[in-house]
Protein backbone atom coordinates (compact mmCIF):
# COMPACT_ATOMS: atom_id res chain seq x y z
CA MET A 1 99.57 198.97 103.20
CA THR A 2 98.31 195.79 101.56
CA SER A 3 101.87 194.58 100.88
CA ILE A 4 102.80 195.17 104.52
CA ARG A 5 99.86 193.05 105.66
CA PHE A 6 100.83 190.32 103.16
CA ILE A 7 104.39 190.24 104.49
CA PHE A 8 103.07 190.12 108.05
CA VAL A 9 100.88 187.12 107.23
CA ILE A 10 103.86 185.29 105.66
CA ILE A 11 106.03 186.00 108.70
CA LEU A 12 103.24 184.83 111.00
CA LEU A 13 102.81 181.59 109.07
CA CYS A 14 106.56 180.91 109.04
CA SER A 15 106.92 181.62 112.73
CA THR A 16 104.06 179.31 113.73
CA ALA A 17 105.00 176.39 111.48
CA GLN A 18 107.83 175.28 113.71
CA SER A 19 106.45 172.50 115.93
CA LEU A 20 104.11 169.55 115.65
CA GLU A 21 100.73 168.46 116.85
CA PHE A 22 98.81 165.32 115.96
CA GLU A 23 95.12 165.50 115.23
CA CYS A 24 94.09 161.89 115.85
CA PHE A 25 91.09 159.91 114.76
CA PHE A 26 91.09 156.91 117.11
CA TYR A 27 89.56 153.57 116.19
CA LYS A 28 90.27 149.83 116.22
CA ILE A 29 91.77 148.03 113.25
CA ASN A 30 92.49 144.40 112.40
CA SER A 31 96.06 143.63 111.38
CA SER A 32 96.73 140.47 109.41
CA ILE A 33 100.01 140.09 111.27
CA ILE A 34 99.16 141.19 114.81
CA GLY A 35 95.37 141.11 115.14
CA GLU A 36 93.18 143.82 116.65
CA LEU A 37 94.93 147.11 117.43
CA TYR A 38 93.85 150.46 118.77
CA ASN A 39 94.92 152.94 116.11
CA CYS A 40 95.48 156.68 115.67
CA ASP A 41 95.14 158.15 112.20
CA ALA A 42 97.27 161.25 112.82
CA THR A 43 97.14 164.37 110.72
CA VAL A 44 100.37 166.29 111.29
CA ILE A 45 99.88 169.96 112.12
CA HIS A 46 102.92 172.26 112.21
CA THR A 47 102.86 174.82 115.02
CA GLY A 48 106.42 175.07 116.46
CA ASN A 49 109.58 172.94 116.69
CA PRO A 50 109.35 170.56 113.69
CA ASN A 51 111.18 167.76 115.51
CA VAL A 52 109.15 167.72 118.72
CA LEU A 53 105.57 166.56 119.17
CA GLU A 54 103.90 169.06 121.50
CA ALA A 55 100.32 167.82 121.67
CA VAL A 56 97.93 165.08 120.60
CA ARG A 57 94.30 165.96 120.07
CA GLY A 58 91.30 163.74 119.40
CA ASN A 59 88.52 161.82 121.15
CA HIS A 60 89.31 158.35 122.43
CA SER A 61 86.95 155.42 122.36
CA ALA A 62 85.29 154.72 125.68
CA GLY A 63 87.73 153.46 128.30
CA LEU A 64 90.80 153.89 126.09
CA ASN A 65 93.67 156.40 126.09
CA ASN A 66 97.05 157.23 124.49
CA TYR A 67 98.85 154.53 126.45
CA LEU A 68 96.67 151.87 124.82
CA VAL A 69 97.34 153.07 121.28
CA GLN A 70 99.35 150.37 119.48
CA SER A 71 99.25 151.62 115.91
CA ILE A 72 99.74 155.03 114.31
CA ASN A 73 99.34 156.22 110.73
CA MET A 74 100.96 159.62 110.20
CA ASN A 75 100.02 161.87 107.30
CA ASP A 76 101.51 165.31 106.72
CA TYR A 77 99.55 166.85 103.88
CA SER A 78 101.99 169.77 103.75
CA HIS A 79 104.87 167.31 103.13
CA GLN A 80 107.10 169.07 105.69
CA LEU A 81 107.77 166.14 108.03
CA ARG A 82 111.51 165.70 107.43
CA GLN A 83 112.08 163.20 110.27
CA LEU A 84 110.12 161.37 112.93
CA PRO A 85 109.37 163.51 115.99
CA SER A 86 111.88 162.59 118.68
CA ASN A 87 109.32 162.16 121.47
CA ILE A 88 106.43 160.19 119.97
CA TYR A 89 106.96 157.55 122.67
CA GLN A 90 106.04 160.06 125.38
CA PHE A 91 102.50 160.16 123.98
CA PHE A 92 102.27 156.63 122.56
CA PRO A 93 104.65 154.30 124.47
CA SER A 94 102.95 151.05 123.38
CA LEU A 95 103.32 151.27 119.61
CA VAL A 96 103.86 148.02 117.70
CA GLU A 97 103.00 149.48 114.29
CA ILE A 98 104.22 152.77 112.78
CA ASN A 99 103.24 154.04 109.35
CA VAL A 100 104.29 157.32 107.75
CA ARG A 101 102.61 158.05 104.43
CA ASN A 102 103.22 160.77 101.86
CA SER A 103 104.66 163.20 104.41
CA GLY A 104 107.96 164.38 102.93
CA LEU A 105 110.03 162.21 105.29
CA MET A 106 113.71 162.34 104.27
CA SER A 107 115.39 160.10 106.85
CA ILE A 108 114.74 157.48 109.49
CA THR A 109 117.37 156.12 111.90
CA ALA A 110 117.89 153.47 114.55
CA ASP A 111 117.57 156.18 117.21
CA ASP A 112 114.09 157.03 115.91
CA LEU A 113 112.99 153.43 116.42
CA GLN A 114 114.84 152.70 119.67
CA PRO A 115 111.86 153.55 121.95
CA PHE A 116 109.78 150.82 120.27
CA PRO A 117 111.52 147.45 120.83
CA LEU A 118 108.22 145.57 120.30
CA LEU A 119 107.64 147.07 116.85
CA PHE A 120 106.11 144.55 114.44
CA VAL A 121 105.26 146.74 111.46
CA LEU A 122 107.11 149.69 109.93
CA GLY A 123 105.76 151.40 106.85
CA VAL A 124 107.44 154.46 105.36
CA THR A 125 105.74 154.84 101.99
CA ASP A 126 105.52 157.60 99.38
CA ASN A 127 108.24 159.67 101.04
CA ASN A 128 111.67 161.03 100.12
CA ILE A 129 114.01 158.51 101.77
CA THR A 130 117.26 158.17 99.80
CA HIS A 131 119.42 156.12 102.21
CA LEU A 132 118.93 153.54 104.95
CA ASP A 133 121.63 152.79 107.52
CA GLY A 134 122.58 149.15 107.89
CA ASN A 135 121.89 149.31 111.64
CA LEU A 136 118.39 150.78 111.22
CA PHE A 137 116.67 147.80 112.87
CA GLN A 138 119.16 147.04 115.63
CA HIS A 139 116.61 147.97 118.33
CA THR A 140 113.56 146.35 116.67
CA PRO A 141 114.29 142.61 116.30
CA ASN A 142 110.60 141.60 116.19
CA LEU A 143 109.69 143.20 112.86
CA ARG A 144 107.33 141.15 110.69
CA MET A 145 106.65 143.73 107.99
CA VAL A 146 108.92 146.38 106.47
CA ASN A 147 107.53 148.62 103.74
CA PHE A 148 109.55 151.31 101.95
CA MET A 149 107.45 151.44 98.80
CA ASN A 150 107.62 154.56 96.61
CA ASN A 151 110.65 156.29 98.07
CA ARG A 152 113.90 157.37 96.42
CA ILE A 153 116.25 154.87 98.03
CA GLU A 154 119.62 154.84 96.30
CA THR A 155 121.84 153.23 98.95
CA VAL A 156 121.38 150.81 101.84
CA GLY A 157 124.01 150.04 104.45
CA PRO A 158 125.21 146.43 104.68
CA GLY A 159 123.30 144.00 106.87
CA LEU A 160 120.00 145.91 106.97
CA LEU A 161 117.86 142.80 107.44
CA ASP A 162 120.42 140.61 109.21
CA GLY A 163 119.19 139.00 112.42
CA LEU A 164 115.52 139.73 111.76
CA GLU A 165 114.40 136.12 111.96
CA PRO A 166 110.66 137.00 112.32
CA LEU A 167 110.83 138.42 108.78
CA ARG A 168 111.52 134.89 107.54
CA GLN A 169 108.30 133.55 109.05
CA LEU A 170 105.18 132.81 107.02
CA GLY A 171 102.97 135.87 106.69
CA SER A 172 105.81 138.39 106.87
CA ALA A 173 106.61 140.90 104.15
CA VAL A 174 109.46 143.09 102.92
CA ILE A 175 108.48 145.67 100.32
CA PHE A 176 110.83 147.94 98.36
CA TRP A 177 108.72 148.63 95.28
CA ASN A 178 109.55 151.63 93.13
CA ASN A 179 112.87 152.82 94.52
CA VAL A 180 115.99 153.90 92.70
CA CYS A 181 118.24 150.92 93.46
CA ILE A 182 115.57 148.30 94.06
CA ASP A 183 112.03 147.51 92.90
CA GLU A 184 111.19 144.24 94.66
CA SER A 185 109.07 142.69 97.37
CA ALA A 186 109.28 139.41 99.24
CA PHE A 187 106.78 137.34 101.21
CA TYR A 188 108.58 134.01 101.66
CA ARG A 189 111.93 133.08 103.15
CA GLU A 190 113.50 132.28 99.78
CA ASP A 191 112.26 135.53 98.27
CA ILE A 192 113.50 137.54 101.23
CA GLU A 193 116.96 136.03 100.87
CA ALA A 194 116.94 136.99 97.18
CA LEU A 195 115.81 140.53 98.06
CA ILE A 196 118.64 140.81 100.58
CA GLN A 197 121.05 139.84 97.83
CA THR A 198 119.63 142.59 95.63
CA LEU A 199 120.13 145.12 98.41
CA GLU A 200 123.72 143.98 98.85
CA THR A 201 124.42 144.10 95.12
CA ASN A 202 122.47 147.09 93.81
CA CYS A 203 122.16 149.34 96.86
CA ARG A 204 125.59 149.10 98.41
CA PRO A 205 126.96 152.56 99.25
CA PRO A 206 130.01 153.54 97.19
CA VAL A 207 133.33 152.88 98.84
CA THR A 208 135.00 156.12 99.72
CA THR A 209 138.75 156.27 100.08
CA THR A 210 140.66 159.02 101.71
CA ASN A 211 143.63 159.97 99.60
CA THR A 212 146.39 161.07 101.89
CA PRO A 213 149.59 162.28 100.29
CA SER A 214 152.24 159.65 100.72
CA THR A 215 155.45 160.77 102.29
CA THR A 216 158.53 159.10 100.88
CA ILE A 217 161.52 159.30 103.11
CA ALA A 218 164.69 158.79 101.09
CA THR A 219 167.53 157.47 103.16
CA THR A 220 171.10 157.41 101.93
CA GLU A 221 174.26 156.41 103.73
CA ALA A 222 176.53 159.38 104.23
CA PRO A 223 180.10 158.83 103.11
CA VAL A 224 182.64 158.70 105.92
CA ASP A 225 184.26 161.92 104.79
CA GLU A 226 180.90 163.68 105.22
CA CYS A 227 180.67 162.80 108.91
CA PRO A 228 179.98 166.04 110.83
CA SER A 229 182.29 167.27 113.61
CA SER A 230 180.04 165.91 116.34
CA CYS A 231 180.18 162.50 114.70
CA ARG A 232 184.01 162.61 114.53
CA THR A 233 184.23 163.66 118.18
CA LEU A 234 182.11 160.69 119.21
CA ILE A 235 184.25 158.29 117.15
CA ASP A 236 187.51 159.65 118.61
CA SER A 237 186.12 159.40 122.14
CA SER A 238 185.08 155.80 121.54
CA PHE A 239 188.53 154.82 120.22
CA ASN A 240 190.21 156.44 123.23
CA GLU A 241 188.00 154.55 125.66
CA ILE A 242 188.66 151.27 123.88
CA GLU A 243 192.41 151.86 124.07
CA TYR A 244 192.17 152.70 127.78
CA LEU A 245 190.26 149.51 128.52
CA ARG A 246 192.80 147.48 126.56
CA GLN A 247 195.68 148.97 128.56
CA LYS A 248 193.82 148.40 131.78
CA ALA A 249 193.19 144.81 130.85
CA SER A 250 196.88 144.32 130.02
CA THR A 251 197.89 145.76 133.38
CA SER A 252 195.41 143.55 135.17
CA GLU A 253 196.77 140.47 133.44
CA SER A 254 200.34 141.35 134.47
CA ARG A 255 199.30 141.86 138.08
CA ILE A 256 197.47 138.54 138.10
CA GLU A 257 200.62 136.79 136.89
CA GLN A 258 202.65 138.39 139.73
CA LEU A 259 200.14 137.26 142.34
CA GLU A 260 200.09 133.74 140.97
CA MET A 261 203.92 133.55 141.19
CA GLN A 262 203.81 134.86 144.75
CA MET A 263 201.23 132.28 145.83
CA LYS A 264 203.25 129.54 144.19
CA GLU A 265 206.32 130.50 146.17
CA ILE A 266 204.33 130.53 149.40
CA PHE A 267 202.95 127.07 148.77
CA GLU A 268 206.43 125.70 148.10
CA LYS A 269 207.77 127.09 151.37
CA VAL A 270 204.86 125.63 153.33
CA GLN A 271 205.45 122.17 151.88
CA LEU A 272 209.09 122.28 152.95
C-alpha cells in the first residue's frame, strides 16, 4: 500500500510540473547603465507547460504594475528551465533588462528576444548554454551589456556582435568568462574588438560538408558500324531527301534557262 502511495505521489509531481509561474518580489533597482528600474526577482515555479508562463504572483509597490516592470531576474532553483517562456512579454511588455541565473537554461534564440527591441541588458549566467546563433541579437540592436558567464559555450555563429554599436560605447560590457571556447570579457571598444576576434577564431562552428556520391557519366563515340537500325534509317532518309532537293534544284535551273531564252527572243522581236 505504501509503494502505491509513493508511486501516486511521483505521478502527481510529474503531472503538475509542466507549466510555469513566477513568484515575484518587486522593488526598484539602480542600474549603472540605465538608471532606476522597477524590477521583479522571479522565482520560477513549475506547474504545467514548461514553455508557457501562466501566472505572475507578488505584491507591487504602490501605484505600480506589471506593465511598468523594466527588469527581471529569473531563478529556477530546480534547474528545469530549458528555454525562456515564449510569452513573458504578455506579462512584462516593457522589459529593458533580462537576467536568467542558475536555472538550467540550455538555449536562447533571436525569437526569444524579438518581443524586447529596447533591451539594454541581457544576462544568462551559470546555465547550460552550449551554442549561440550568429543572429541572436538581430532584434535587439540597443544592447549595452551582454553576459554569458559560467556557461558551456562551445560554438558561436559568425557575426554575433556585428552591428551592435552601443556595445562599443563607454560603460558597456561583454562578458564570456568561464566557457568552453572562450574565457574573456571586454569593457572598451578595443577589447570588444579583440573579444570578437576570439569568438571568430575559437568558437566558430565546424564546417559540415555533405558528401554526395559523384556520378561519372562516361561518354564514348559509337563506331559507325555499331549504329542501330533506327540510326541507319534516319541516315538513309536524309540522303534521299538531299538527293531529291539536288534534282529539284537542277530541274529548276534548266527551266530558268528556258525562260530566259524565251524572254530574249521576245525582246528581239519587239526591237525589230
